[in-house]
Amino acid sequence: MTLTIGTPPPALSPELTEKLGRVSFPTIGHYLEEGFVEPAIQRQCGTRKVVGRAITVRLTGQDSTVLHHAAGYCEPGDVFVIDMGGDTRHAPVGEVLGEILHARGATGVIIDGVMTDIDEVEPLGLPVYSRGRSVLTTKLLHLDAGGLHVPVSIGGVTVHPGDVVLADRNGVFIAAPTVLEGIVDTALADDAEEPELVEQVRHGERLGDLTGATTAIQKILAEREATR
């Protein structure tokens, strides 16, 4: 496989970015099934929510040359999404890459693999998600391999350059901007209704009565009884 360098994706809409910064990410799970990265990829360091443009990087043969190249072009708000091709032993991101991406304004890093230098990266506050940690690192082998701004696979999700990356302590979700534009207002409205719902339950209301679940159960049972 030869090195492939694609076209940098467009910036995300500031309006969409602002709205996504306010939405509760698990609320999106009420409406969608695709785009949710495997739970094995978890936040290793950092505390803030991640909302940003996916900069996709594919590494091959433990060679991180293309990642070093890409880091120099990181823009504020970018999320580096790194496909290790199934390698869960060699860490592509540690102190040096962490410092550089943090300095250039990266919002986060998602690795389908492992990271290193946790003690050095953690104080930066840069959220890094991976399958774990390792002391074995990638190398600068200068191979004609890998890719930048190309489709990659992260935790069972195909990620395209410019997709929106959302991540918090619960996990990672990635989708095209158009997908999120179609549901973000609904999700925000859903979030706004939740405090009132919880308050009603605290005052004695039954959750199933409020959500319609109890009515649905009663209908199922009545229809079953009618067919006997």
Protein backbone atom coordinates (compact mmCIF):
# COMPACT_ATOMS: atom_id res chain seq x y z
CA MET A 1 0.00 0.00 0.00
CA THR A 2 1.45 3.35 -1.05
CA LEU A 3 1.23 6.69 0.71
CA THR A 4 -2.01 8.56 -0.04
CA ILE A 5 -2.53 12.26 0.71
CA GLY A 6 -6.08 13.50 0.16
CA THR A 7 -7.60 16.98 0.18
CA PRO A 8 -7.99 18.74 3.54
CA PRO A 9 -11.67 18.84 4.54
CA PRO A 10 -13.65 22.07 4.99
CA ALA A 11 -14.08 23.60 8.42
CA LEU A 12 -17.17 22.77 10.44
CA SER A 13 -20.01 25.24 10.64
CA PRO A 14 -19.54 27.47 13.72
CA GLU A 15 -23.30 27.28 14.36
CA LEU A 16 -23.29 23.47 14.34
CA THR A 17 -20.16 23.37 16.51
CA GLU A 18 -21.77 25.69 19.06
CA LYS A 19 -24.95 23.63 19.24
CA LEU A 20 -23.05 20.35 19.58
CA GLY A 21 -21.06 21.86 22.43
CA ARG A 22 -24.32 22.22 24.35
CA VAL A 23 -25.97 18.89 23.58
CA SER A 24 -25.64 15.82 25.80
CA PHE A 25 -23.92 13.29 23.55
CA PRO A 26 -25.83 10.24 24.88
CA THR A 27 -29.04 11.98 23.79
CA ILE A 28 -27.91 11.37 20.22
CA GLY A 29 -28.11 7.67 21.01
CA HIS A 30 -31.89 8.07 21.36
CA TYR A 31 -32.13 8.76 17.63
CA LEU A 32 -29.25 7.02 15.84
CA GLU A 33 -27.62 3.58 15.71
CA GLU A 34 -24.63 4.16 13.43
CA GLY A 35 -21.44 6.09 14.18
CA PHE A 36 -20.87 4.91 17.75
CA VAL A 37 -17.27 3.78 18.23
CA GLU A 38 -16.65 0.52 20.10
CA PRO A 39 -16.69 1.11 23.89
CA ALA A 40 -13.17 -0.37 24.14
CA ILE A 41 -11.84 2.98 22.88
CA GLN A 42 -12.00 5.12 26.01
CA ARG A 43 -10.62 8.43 27.25
CA GLN A 44 -7.15 7.96 28.70
CA CYS A 45 -6.56 11.60 29.68
CA GLY A 46 -8.21 15.01 29.46
CA THR A 47 -11.52 16.07 30.96
CA ARG A 48 -13.31 18.29 28.48
CA LYS A 49 -15.85 17.27 25.87
CA VAL A 50 -14.57 16.92 22.32
CA VAL A 51 -16.33 18.55 19.36
CA GLY A 52 -14.30 18.94 16.20
CA ARG A 53 -13.41 18.22 12.60
CA ALA A 54 -11.95 14.80 11.89
CA ILE A 55 -8.41 14.85 10.49
CA THR A 56 -8.00 11.25 9.40
CA VAL A 57 -4.62 9.51 9.51
CA ARG A 58 -3.86 5.91 8.56
CA LEU A 59 -0.57 4.41 9.74
CA THR A 60 1.05 1.32 8.30
CA GLY A 61 3.84 -0.92 9.50
CA GLN A 62 4.54 0.95 12.74
CA ASP A 63 5.64 3.96 10.69
CA SER A 64 4.42 7.32 12.03
CA THR A 65 6.02 9.50 9.32
CA VAL A 66 2.67 10.65 7.88
CA LEU A 67 1.40 11.52 11.38
CA HIS A 68 4.42 13.75 12.06
CA HIS A 69 3.77 15.45 8.73
CA ALA A 70 0.07 15.93 9.49
CA ALA A 71 0.68 17.36 12.96
CA GLY A 72 2.42 20.37 11.46
CA TYR A 73 -0.81 21.34 9.69
CA CYS A 74 -3.16 20.92 12.65
CA GLU A 75 -5.67 23.76 12.99
CA PRO A 76 -7.65 24.86 16.07
CA GLY A 77 -10.65 22.61 16.59
CA ASP A 78 -9.20 19.60 14.76
CA VAL A 79 -9.53 16.10 16.13
CA PHE A 80 -6.83 13.70 14.95
CA VAL A 81 -8.41 10.32 14.18
CA ILE A 82 -5.71 7.66 13.82
CA ASP A 83 -6.26 4.22 12.27
CA MET A 84 -3.50 1.82 13.31
CA GLY A 85 -4.66 -0.97 11.01
CA GLY A 86 -5.32 -3.31 13.90
CA ASP A 87 -2.01 -2.70 15.71
CA THR A 88 -2.64 -2.44 19.46
CA ARG A 89 1.03 -2.60 20.55
CA HIS A 90 2.75 0.43 18.98
CA ALA A 91 1.74 3.85 20.37
CA PRO A 92 1.70 6.67 17.76
CA VAL A 93 0.99 9.52 20.22
CA GLY A 94 2.99 10.45 23.30
CA GLU A 95 4.66 13.49 24.78
CA VAL A 96 5.98 15.08 21.56
CA LEU A 97 2.83 14.66 19.47
CA GLY A 98 0.70 15.58 22.46
CA GLU A 99 2.61 18.82 23.02
CA ILE A 100 2.47 19.76 19.33
CA LEU A 101 -1.23 19.04 18.83
CA HIS A 102 -2.09 20.83 22.06
CA ALA A 103 -0.03 23.87 21.06
CA ARG A 104 -1.71 24.03 17.67
CA GLY A 105 -5.20 23.92 19.18
CA ALA A 106 -6.30 20.35 18.59
CA THR A 107 -9.53 19.49 20.37
CA GLY A 108 -8.66 15.83 20.86
CA VAL A 109 -7.08 12.63 19.57
CA ILE A 110 -8.84 9.35 18.81
CA ILE A 111 -6.62 6.29 18.30
CA ASP A 112 -7.77 2.85 17.28
CA GLY A 113 -4.72 1.54 19.07
CA VAL A 114 -2.74 2.66 22.11
CA MET A 115 -1.02 5.80 23.41
CA THR A 116 2.09 6.38 25.52
CA ASP A 117 3.64 8.97 27.87
CA ILE A 118 0.43 9.30 29.87
CA ASP A 119 2.19 11.16 32.70
CA GLU A 120 3.49 13.78 30.26
CA VAL A 121 0.34 14.11 28.14
CA GLU A 122 -2.16 14.22 30.99
CA PRO A 123 -1.13 17.69 32.32
CA LEU A 124 -1.78 19.18 28.87
CA GLY A 125 -5.51 18.64 29.23
CA LEU A 126 -5.65 17.26 25.68
CA PRO A 127 -8.30 14.53 25.53
CA VAL A 128 -6.81 11.33 24.10
CA TYR A 129 -8.95 8.26 23.46
CA SER A 130 -7.44 4.85 22.78
CA ARG A 131 -7.69 1.15 23.57
CA GLY A 132 -5.04 1.47 26.26
CA ARG A 133 -1.39 2.42 26.83
CA SER A 134 1.98 1.01 25.82
CA VAL A 135 5.69 1.70 26.21
CA LEU A 136 6.31 0.43 22.66
CA THR A 137 6.16 3.27 20.15
CA THR A 138 5.93 3.76 16.41
CA LYS A 139 9.03 4.82 14.49
CA LEU A 140 9.99 7.28 11.74
CA LEU A 141 10.65 4.66 9.06
CA HIS A 142 9.91 6.99 6.12
CA LEU A 143 7.93 4.32 4.30
CA ASP A 144 5.87 4.90 1.19
CA ALA A 145 2.78 3.91 3.16
CA GLY A 146 -0.10 5.26 5.19
CA GLY A 147 -2.55 8.04 4.45
CA LEU A 148 -3.78 11.50 5.36
CA HIS A 149 -7.27 12.87 4.65
CA VAL A 150 -8.46 9.41 3.61
CA PRO A 151 -11.29 7.19 4.91
CA VAL A 152 -10.23 5.26 8.00
CA SER A 153 -11.75 2.70 10.34
CA ILE A 154 -12.03 3.53 14.04
CA GLY A 155 -13.64 1.10 16.44
CA GLY A 156 -15.95 -0.34 13.79
CA VAL A 157 -16.90 3.05 12.34
CA THR A 158 -15.81 4.28 8.92
CA VAL A 159 -14.62 7.87 9.31
CA HIS A 160 -14.29 10.30 6.41
CA PRO A 161 -12.18 13.47 6.39
CA GLY A 162 -14.23 16.33 7.81
CA ASP A 163 -16.66 14.18 9.76
CA VAL A 164 -17.74 15.50 13.14
CA VAL A 165 -16.15 13.87 16.19
CA LEU A 166 -18.02 13.98 19.48
CA ALA A 167 -16.45 12.43 22.57
CA ASP A 168 -16.82 12.61 26.32
CA ARG A 169 -16.29 10.33 29.29
CA ASN A 170 -18.91 7.93 27.92
CA GLY A 171 -17.19 7.27 24.61
CA VAL A 172 -16.88 8.44 21.00
CA PHE A 173 -19.40 9.17 18.24
CA ILE A 174 -18.48 10.17 14.68
CA ALA A 175 -20.76 11.17 11.80
CA ALA A 176 -21.05 13.42 8.77
CA PRO A 177 -22.04 17.04 9.50
CA THR A 178 -25.30 16.57 7.58
CA VAL A 179 -26.35 13.76 9.93
CA LEU A 180 -25.87 15.92 13.00
CA GLU A 181 -27.46 18.97 11.42
CA GLY A 182 -30.59 16.86 11.01
CA ILE A 183 -30.96 15.94 14.69
CA VAL A 184 -29.09 18.48 16.83
CA ASP A 185 -32.10 20.75 17.39
CA THR A 186 -34.26 17.76 18.36
CA ALA A 187 -31.56 16.54 20.75
CA LEU A 188 -31.26 19.97 22.37
CA ALA A 189 -35.04 20.12 22.83
CA ASP A 190 -34.94 16.65 24.36
CA ASP A 191 -32.24 17.74 26.80
CA ALA A 192 -34.29 20.79 27.78
CA GLU A 193 -37.27 18.59 28.68
CA GLU A 194 -35.36 16.13 30.87
CA PRO A 195 -35.16 18.22 34.08
CA GLU A 196 -38.95 18.63 34.13
CA LEU A 197 -39.42 14.90 33.53
CA VAL A 198 -37.11 14.02 36.43
CA GLU A 199 -38.88 16.53 38.69
CA GLN A 200 -42.26 14.98 37.89
CA VAL A 201 -40.94 11.53 38.81
CA ARG A 202 -39.57 12.89 42.08
CA HIS A 203 -43.06 14.13 42.88
CA GLY A 204 -44.61 10.72 42.44
CA GLU A 205 -45.35 10.39 38.74
CA ARG A 206 -44.53 7.06 37.10
CA LEU A 207 -41.90 7.23 34.35
CA GLY A 208 -43.84 4.90 32.07
CA ASP A 209 -46.93 7.11 32.32
CA LEU A 210 -44.93 10.17 31.32
CA THR A 211 -43.09 8.56 28.40
CA GLY A 212 -45.94 6.47 27.05
CA ALA A 213 -44.19 3.18 27.83
CA THR A 214 -46.94 2.02 30.21
CA THR A 215 -49.66 2.74 27.64
CA ALA A 216 -47.70 0.74 25.07
CA ILE A 217 -47.35 -2.23 27.45
CA GLN A 218 -51.07 -2.13 28.27
CA LYS A 219 -51.92 -2.10 24.54
CA ILE A 220 -49.66 -5.10 23.86
CA LEU A 221 -51.23 -7.08 26.70
CA ALA A 222 -54.76 -6.14 25.65
CA GLU A 223 -54.12 -7.18 22.04
CA ARG A 224 -52.64 -10.47 23.22
CA GLU A 225 -55.65 -11.13 25.42
CA ALA A 226 -58.03 -10.35 22.55
CA THR A 227 -56.45 -13.02 20.34
CA ARG A 228 -56.80 -15.83 22.87
